[in-house]
Structures are given as C-alpha cells and as structure tokens.
C-alpha atoms as a PDB file:
ATOM      1  CA  MET A   1      71.837 119.522-228.431  1.00  0.00           C
ATOM      2  CA  LYS A   2      71.593 122.695-226.362  1.00  0.00           C
ATOM      3  CA  LYS A   3      69.664 124.314-229.217  1.00  0.00           C
ATOM      4  CA  LEU A   4      67.243 121.426-229.246  1.00  0.00           C
ATOM      5  CA  ALA A   5      66.798 121.665-225.500  1.00  0.00           C
ATOM      6  CA  ALA A   6      66.241 125.404-225.755  1.00  0.00           C
ATOM      7  CA  ALA A   7      63.298 124.732-228.065  1.00  0.00           C
ATOM      8  CA  LEU A   8      61.294 124.065-224.924  1.00  0.00           C
ATOM      9  CA  ALA A   9      60.790 127.810-224.597  1.00  0.00           C
ATOM     10  CA  GLY A  10      59.195 127.953-228.040  1.00  0.00           C
ATOM     11  CA  VAL A  11      57.240 124.743-228.037  1.00  0.00           C
ATOM     12  CA  MET A  12      53.772 125.329-226.587  1.00  0.00           C
ATOM     13  CA  VAL A  13      53.674 129.129-226.828  1.00  0.00           C
ATOM     14  CA  PHE A  14      50.524 129.562-228.837  1.00  0.00           C
ATOM     15  CA  SER A  15      47.264 131.477-228.638  1.00  0.00           C
ATOM     16  CA  MET A  16      44.549 132.749-230.924  1.00  0.00           C
ATOM     17  CA  ALA A  17      42.802 136.111-230.819  1.00  0.00           C
ATOM     18  CA  ALA A  18      39.308 136.441-229.391  1.00  0.00           C
ATOM     19  CA  CYS A  19      36.529 138.844-230.269  1.00  0.00           C
ATOM     20  CA  GLY A  20      34.604 140.711-227.610  1.00  0.00           C
ATOM     21  CA  GLY A  21      33.031 144.009-226.703  1.00  0.00           C
ATOM     22  CA  ALA A  22      35.088 146.509-224.771  1.00  0.00           C
ATOM     23  CA  GLU A  23      32.583 146.508-221.933  1.00  0.00           C
ATOM     24  CA  ASP A  24      32.039 142.800-221.418  1.00  0.00           C
ATOM     25  CA  PHE A  25      35.247 141.069-222.551  1.00  0.00           C
ATOM     26  CA  ASP A  26      36.473 138.621-219.905  1.00  0.00           C
ATOM     27  CA  ALA A  27      40.236 139.096-220.131  1.00  0.00           C
ATOM     28  CA  THR A  28      40.878 136.933-217.069  1.00  0.00           C
ATOM     29  CA  GLY A  29      38.897 134.050-218.527  1.00  0.00           C
ATOM     30  CA  TYR A  30      40.584 134.493-221.888  1.00  0.00           C
ATOM     31  CA  VAL A  31      44.072 134.290-220.365  1.00  0.00           C
ATOM     32  CA  GLN A  32      43.009 131.274-218.290  1.00  0.00           C
ATOM     33  CA  GLY A  33      41.890 129.529-221.471  1.00  0.00           C
ATOM     34  CA  VAL A  34      45.129 130.355-223.267  1.00  0.00           C
ATOM     35  CA  LEU A  35      47.264 128.956-220.452  1.00  0.00           C
ATOM     36  CA  ASP A  36      45.086 125.884-219.933  1.00  0.00           C
ATOM     37  CA  ALA A  37      45.501 125.024-223.605  1.00  0.00           C
ATOM     38  CA  GLN A  38      49.210 125.805-223.619  1.00  0.00           C
ATOM     39  CA  TYR A  39      50.276 124.082-220.416  1.00  0.00           C
ATOM     40  CA  HIS A  40      47.685 121.475-219.511  1.00  0.00           C
ATOM     41  CA  GLY A  41      46.219 120.400-222.851  1.00  0.00           C
ATOM     42  CA  GLU A  42      42.742 121.603-221.884  1.00  0.00           C
ATOM     43  CA  TYR A  43      41.277 123.253-224.967  1.00  0.00           C
ATOM     44  CA  ALA A  44      37.584 123.829-224.261  1.00  0.00           C
ATOM     45  CA  ALA A  45      37.708 127.368-222.849  1.00  0.00           C
ATOM     46  CA  HIS A  46      40.152 128.706-225.439  1.00  0.00           C
ATOM     47  CA  ALA A  47      38.172 127.086-228.241  1.00  0.00           C
ATOM     48  CA  GLU A  48      34.997 128.799-227.055  1.00  0.00           C
ATOM     49  CA  ASP A  49      36.746 132.162-226.706  1.00  0.00           C
ATOM     50  CA  VAL A  50      38.086 132.131-230.253  1.00  0.00           C
ATOM     51  CA  GLY A  51      35.131 130.439-231.931  1.00  0.00           C
ATOM     52  CA  GLU A  52      36.953 127.279-232.938  1.00  0.00           C
ATOM     53  CA  SER A  53      36.483 123.619-232.088  1.00  0.00           C
ATOM     54  CA  GLU A  54      38.621 121.915-229.455  1.00  0.00           C
ATOM     55  CA  GLU A  55      39.990 119.673-232.187  1.00  0.00           C
ATOM     56  CA  ASP A  56      41.030 122.710-234.221  1.00  0.00           C
ATOM     57  CA  ILE A  57      42.865 124.251-231.268  1.00  0.00           C
ATOM     58  CA  LYS A  58      44.576 120.952-230.486  1.00  0.00           C
ATOM     59  CA  ASN A  59      45.667 120.537-234.109  1.00  0.00           C
ATOM     60  CA  GLU A  60      46.944 124.129-234.309  1.00  0.00           C
ATOM     61  CA  ILE A  61      49.033 123.709-231.167  1.00  0.00           C
ATOM     62  CA  GLU A  62      50.398 120.348-232.278  1.00  0.00           C
ATOM     63  CA  ALA A  63      51.343 121.762-235.683  1.00  0.00           C
ATOM     64  CA  SER A  64      53.079 124.724-234.031  1.00  0.00           C
ATOM     65  CA  ASN A  65      54.962 122.438-231.646  1.00  0.00           C
ATOM     66  CA  LEU A  66      56.116 120.202-234.484  1.00  0.00           C
ATOM     67  CA  GLU A  67      57.331 123.143-236.552  1.00  0.00           C
ATOM     68  CA  VAL A  68      59.368 124.588-233.684  1.00  0.00           C
ATOM     69  CA  ALA A  69      60.858 121.195-232.826  1.00  0.00           C
ATOM     70  CA  GLN A  70      61.796 120.565-236.473  1.00  0.00           C
ATOM     71  CA  GLN A  71      63.533 123.939-236.674  1.00  0.00           C
ATOM     72  CA  ALA A  72      65.454 123.267-233.478  1.00  0.00           C
ATOM     73  CA  LEU A  73      66.470 119.829-234.698  1.00  0.00           C
ATOM     74  CA  ALA A  74      67.765 121.294-237.965  1.00  0.00           C
ATOM     75  CA  GLN A  75      69.864 123.826-236.034  1.00  0.00           C
ATOM     76  CA  SER A  76      71.258 121.169-233.725  1.00  0.00           C
ATOM     77  CA  GLY A  77      72.811 119.163-236.536  1.00  0.00           C
ATOM     78  CA  PHE A  78      71.420 115.917-235.143  1.00  0.00           C
ATOM     79  CA  THR A  79      69.163 113.469-236.911  1.00  0.00           C
ATOM     80  CA  ALA A  80      65.917 112.004-235.635  1.00  0.00           C
ATOM     81  CA  THR A  81      63.125 109.860-236.932  1.00  0.00           C
ATOM     82  CA  ASP A  82      59.591 111.243-236.998  1.00  0.00           C
ATOM     83  CA  GLU A  83      58.797 108.976-234.067  1.00  0.00           C
ATOM     84  CA  GLU A  84      61.748 110.264-232.020  1.00  0.00           C
ATOM     85  CA  LEU A  85      60.817 113.881-232.700  1.00  0.00           C
ATOM     86  CA  GLN A  86      57.215 113.243-231.693  1.00  0.00           C
ATOM     87  CA  GLU A  87      58.409 111.468-228.551  1.00  0.00           C
ATOM     88  CA  TYR A  88      60.383 114.601-227.648  1.00  0.00           C
ATOM     89  CA  ILE A  89      57.288 116.798-228.108  1.00  0.00           C
ATOM     90  CA  ASP A  90      55.169 114.379-226.068  1.00  0.00           C
ATOM     91  CA  LEU A  91      57.710 114.465-223.236  1.00  0.00           C
ATOM     92  CA  ILE A  92      57.671 118.261-223.187  1.00  0.00           C
ATOM     93  CA  GLU A  93      53.882 118.350-223.204  1.00  0.00           C
ATOM     94  CA  GLU A  94      53.759 116.013-220.220  1.00  0.00           C
ATOM     95  CA  GLY A  95      56.392 118.097-218.450  1.00  0.00           C
ATOM     96  CA  TYR A  96      54.341 121.255-218.955  1.00  0.00           C
ATOM     97  CA  LYS A  97      51.467 119.692-217.041  1.00  0.00           C
ATOM     98  CA  LYS A  98      53.611 119.948-213.898  1.00  0.00           C
ATOM     99  CA  ILE A  99      53.486 123.747-214.104  1.00  0.00           C
ATOM    100  CA  GLU A 100      50.827 125.437-211.981  1.00  0.00           C
ATOM    101  CA  TYR A 101      49.552 129.000-212.278  1.00  0.00           C
ATOM    102  CA  GLU A 102      46.866 131.301-210.924  1.00  0.00           C
ATOM    103  CA  VAL A 103      45.340 133.969-213.147  1.00  0.00           C
ATOM    104  CA  LYS A 104      44.469 137.140-211.247  1.00  0.00           C
ATOM    105  CA  GLU A 105      41.768 139.715-211.910  1.00  0.00           C
ATOM    106  CA  ALA A 106      42.215 141.709-215.115  1.00  0.00           C
ATOM    107  CA  VAL A 107      42.681 145.478-215.023  1.00  0.00           C
ATOM    108  CA  LYS A 108      41.396 147.580-217.921  1.00  0.00           C
ATOM    109  CA  ASP A 109      43.048 150.845-218.885  1.00  0.00           C
ATOM    110  CA  ASP A 110      41.521 153.929-220.477  1.00  0.00           C
ATOM    111  CA  ASN A 111      42.219 152.562-223.964  1.00  0.00           C
ATOM    112  CA  ASP A 112      40.255 149.323-223.392  1.00  0.00           C
ATOM    113  CA  ASN A 113      43.415 147.232-223.112  1.00  0.00           C
ATOM    114  CA  PHE A 114      43.944 144.896-220.167  1.00  0.00           C
ATOM    115  CA  THR A 115      46.768 143.762-217.937  1.00  0.00           C
ATOM    116  CA  VAL A 116      46.445 140.383-216.266  1.00  0.00           C
ATOM    117  CA  GLU A 117      48.812 139.174-213.559  1.00  0.00           C
ATOM    118  CA  VAL A 118      49.638 135.478-213.475  1.00  0.00           C
ATOM    119  CA  GLU A 119      51.278 133.855-210.467  1.00  0.00           C
ATOM    120  CA  VAL A 120      53.202 130.927-211.889  1.00  0.00           C
ATOM    121  CA  THR A 121      55.017 128.215-209.959  1.00  0.00           C
ATOM    122  CA  PRO A 122      58.087 127.371-212.079  1.00  0.00           C
ATOM    123  CA  VAL A 123      59.332 123.834-212.576  1.00  0.00           C
ATOM    124  CA  GLY A 124      62.955 123.228-213.555  1.00  0.00           C
ATOM    125  CA  LEU A 125      62.104 120.787-216.319  1.00  0.00           C
ATOM    126  CA  LEU A 126      65.529 120.967-217.970  1.00  0.00           C
ATOM    127  CA  ASP A 127      67.673 121.930-214.991  1.00  0.00           C
ATOM    128  CA  ASN A 128      69.333 118.505-214.884  1.00  0.00           C
ATOM    129  CA  LEU A 129      69.376 117.853-218.616  1.00  0.00           C
ATOM    130  CA  GLU A 130      72.957 118.785-219.460  1.00  0.00           C
ATOM    131  CA  GLU A 131      74.436 116.663-216.690  1.00  0.00           C
ATOM    132  CA  ILE A 132      72.190 113.697-217.447  1.00  0.00           C
ATOM    133  CA  PHE A 133      72.688 113.852-221.196  1.00  0.00           C
ATOM    134  CA  THR A 134      76.470 114.197-220.936  1.00  0.00           C
ATOM    135  CA  ALA A 135      76.699 111.068-218.791  1.00  0.00           C
ATOM    136  CA  LYS A 136      74.264 109.054-220.895  1.00  0.00           C
ATOM    137  CA  LEU A 137      75.873 110.074-224.170  1.00  0.00           C
ATOM    138  CA  GLN A 138      79.353 109.165-222.949  1.00  0.00           C
ATOM    139  CA  GLU A 139      78.081 105.752-221.884  1.00  0.00           C
ATOM    140  CA  ALA A 140      76.316 105.279-225.217  1.00  0.00           C
ATOM    141  CA  VAL A 141      79.427 106.217-227.216  1.00  0.00           C
ATOM    142  CA  ASN A 142      81.513 103.825-225.116  1.00  0.00           C
ATOM    143  CA  ASN A 143      78.994 101.130-226.014  1.00  0.00           C
ATOM    144  CA  GLY A 144      79.355 101.824-229.727  1.00  0.00           C
ATOM    145  CA  VAL A 145      76.286 103.998-230.328  1.00  0.00           C
ATOM    146  CA  ASP A 146      76.797 106.329-233.303  1.00  0.00           C
ATOM    147  CA  GLU A 147      75.097 109.625-234.190  1.00  0.00           C
ATOM    148  CA  SER A 148      71.959 107.879-235.416  1.00  0.00           C
ATOM    149  CA  GLY A 149      71.285 106.868-231.826  1.00  0.00           C
ATOM    150  CA  TYR A 150      71.929 110.220-230.156  1.00  0.00           C
ATOM    151  CA  MET A 151      68.312 111.408-230.320  1.00  0.00           C
ATOM    152  CA  ALA A 152      67.113 108.357-228.454  1.00  0.00           C
ATOM    153  CA  VAL A 153      69.696 109.065-225.748  1.00  0.00           C
ATOM    154  CA  PHE A 154      68.586 112.693-225.673  1.00  0.00           C
ATOM    155  CA  ASN A 155      64.925 111.727-225.200  1.00  0.00           C
ATOM    156  CA  GLU A 156      65.868 109.397-222.357  1.00  0.00           C
ATOM    157  CA  SER A 157      67.745 112.297-220.789  1.00  0.00           C
ATOM    158  CA  VAL A 158      64.808 114.695-221.210  1.00  0.00           C
ATOM    159  CA  LYS A 159      62.492 112.212-219.526  1.00  0.00           C
ATOM    160  CA  GLU A 160      64.850 111.727-216.597  1.00  0.00           C
ATOM    161  CA  SER A 161      65.355 115.472-216.234  1.00  0.00           C
ATOM    162  CA  ILE A 162      61.599 116.074-216.173  1.00  0.00           C
ATOM    163  CA  ASP A 163      61.114 113.251-213.668  1.00  0.00           C
ATOM    164  CA  LYS A 164      63.690 114.876-211.385  1.00  0.00           C
ATOM    165  CA  ALA A 165      62.427 118.439-211.898  1.00  0.00           C
ATOM    166  CA  GLU A 166      61.971 120.503-208.759  1.00  0.00           C
ATOM    167  CA  THR A 167      59.220 123.030-208.091  1.00  0.00           C
ATOM    168  CA  LEU A 168      60.487 126.535-207.403  1.00  0.00           C
ATOM    169  CA  GLU A 169      59.144 129.631-205.679  1.00  0.00           C
ATOM    170  CA  PRO A 170      56.124 131.288-207.348  1.00  0.00           C
ATOM    171  CA  GLN A 171      56.676 134.380-209.463  1.00  0.00           C
ATOM    172  CA  THR A 172      54.244 136.954-210.826  1.00  0.00           C
ATOM    173  CA  VAL A 173      54.217 137.848-214.515  1.00  0.00           C
ATOM    174  CA  THR A 174      52.089 140.572-216.098  1.00  0.00           C
ATOM    175  CA  LEU A 175      50.461 139.755-219.429  1.00  0.00           C
ATOM    176  CA  ASN A 176      49.183 142.508-221.689  1.00  0.00           C
ATOM    177  CA  VAL A 177      45.937 141.779-223.528  1.00  0.00           C
ATOM    178  CA  THR A 178      45.512 144.343-226.268  1.00  0.00           C
ATOM    179  CA  TYR A 179      42.992 144.827-229.003  1.00  0.00           C
ATOM    180  CA  THR A 180      42.699 145.844-232.608  1.00  0.00           C
ATOM    181  CA  GLU A 181      39.475 146.595-234.452  1.00  0.00           C
ATOM    182  CA  ASP A 182      38.285 144.424-237.304  1.00  0.00           C
ATOM    183  CA  GLU A 183      36.526 145.771-240.394  1.00  0.00           C
ATOM    184  CA  ASP A 184      33.206 145.722-238.527  1.00  0.00           C
ATOM    185  CA  GLY A 185      34.565 147.749-235.627  1.00  0.00           C
ATOM    186  CA  ASN A 186      34.656 144.801-233.231  1.00  0.00           C
ATOM    187  CA  HIS A 187      37.455 144.535-230.692  1.00  0.00           C
ATOM    188  CA  VAL A 188      39.784 141.599-231.348  1.00  0.00           C
ATOM    189  CA  TYR A 189      41.877 140.774-228.279  1.00  0.00           C
ATOM    190  CA  ALA A 190      45.169 138.906-228.080  1.00  0.00           C
ATOM    191  CA  VAL A 191      47.820 138.237-225.447  1.00  0.00           C
ATOM    192  CA  ASN A 192      51.144 139.884-226.165  1.00  0.00           C
ATOM    193  CA  GLU A 193      53.395 137.152-227.564  1.00  0.00           C
ATOM    194  CA  SER A 194      56.522 138.545-225.924  1.00  0.00           C
ATOM    195  CA  ASP A 195      54.767 138.413-222.553  1.00  0.00           C
ATOM    196  CA  LEU A 196      53.809 134.786-223.163  1.00  0.00           C
ATOM    197  CA  ASN A 197      57.406 133.949-224.015  1.00  0.00           C
ATOM    198  CA  THR A 198      58.586 135.645-220.822  1.00  0.00           C
ATOM    199  CA  LEU A 199      56.055 133.673-218.811  1.00  0.00           C
ATOM    200  CA  ASP A 200      57.186 130.467-220.486  1.00  0.00           C
ATOM    201  CA  LEU A 201      60.856 131.090-219.724  1.00  0.00           C
ATOM    202  CA  ILE A 202      60.019 131.717-216.086  1.00  0.00           C
ATOM    203  CA  ALA A 203      57.628 128.765-215.880  1.00  0.00           C
ATOM    204  CA  THR A 204      60.336 126.408-217.126  1.00  0.00           C
ATOM    205  CA  ASN A 205      63.136 128.096-215.135  1.00  0.00           C
ATOM    206  CA  GLN A 206      65.054 129.150-218.226  1.00  0.00           C
ATOM    207  CA  GLN A 207      65.278 132.874-217.556  1.00  0.00           C
END
C-alpha cells in the first residue's frame, strides 16, 4: 500500500499551457490559476488563461487523477472497486484544500522566460498513514476481513491521517514558466512539470 499512498504526489499535478505575448503575459496570475485548480478545485482563472471551459479543466484534472490512481493501485497488488478508488481520489482532493500558498511577483529573464516564487505552507497529509493503516489492518484481519476489504480499510486510514494532519513551516519554491513558439510565432507558456512535482512533494511533506 505504500505505492498507493505515494500516488498522492502524482495525483493533482496538472496544468495546461497558456498563450500570451512576451510583453504582457501575466506569469504570476497564470501560476495562481494553475495552483488554484490543482489544490483548491477552483478552475475559473486557469480555464480563462488556457482558453478552455471550467468544465473542461475539471474533467481533464479528474481524468488525470483517475489514471494516476489506477496505475498506483495496479502496482500495489491490491484490489478496489470503482467506488473505492473514487473515494480515495475524493479524500486526496479534500486534503489538498488544506494546503495554503502565496504566489509572489514573477521575474522575467532576457529570454522572455519567467521565474515565480511560491511560498507554500505544507500539510503532512500522510504523515500518520502508515501507523494508522497498520493498526487498522491488523484489527480488520483479526476480525476476519480478507484482501477484498483492504482498500476500504486503507481509505479509512487515509481519512484519519488527513484529519490529523499538521501544518508545517512555510517553504519557498521557485517555479520556472518557460515558453515555446507556435506556428504563428505566438509564445506558449507552461510551468515546468518537474518544478510542480517538487512543489507538490513539499506541500504534502513527502520530500
């Protein structure tokens, strides 16, 4: 189940590229929209930045989350119903809403790329998971629960771990927002995915 728990770092990391002129692109606002969609389920700003509907952004994120969770489940060797897997994703999404962040002013370099500092306040969403799950699973096995019931026990443990999660000291992470040019010569900006993953690991106290 550790592999399934580790999927938290992959679930939610998602953003789409945005078009904008080199002179007037709002990198700070773009990053704010990305994080609001990723952590707090607020899609309006990111949808506007990338020219999609809020529903489209929501569906893209949900599809990405489901894919990552399915891959983690397959690696774990456990079984789960569709409902149990969705419950896991829902728990993680609610846990992410505990994470707070402040997006600082963007700095543009000579090549029209940007760096944006984000001060994030980490929350140890899974810090207590191993201890909780071990105890709950042992009790369940003693009560005759077989492998088909392990996912339900795991979800109960995730919920309890999130409920008990402590807020940690803020940390600053630098995100790189770089551009490529499309066929019309327009700048297409995107947040570096590795930077987003680093931010996510810090935000969930997994680094």
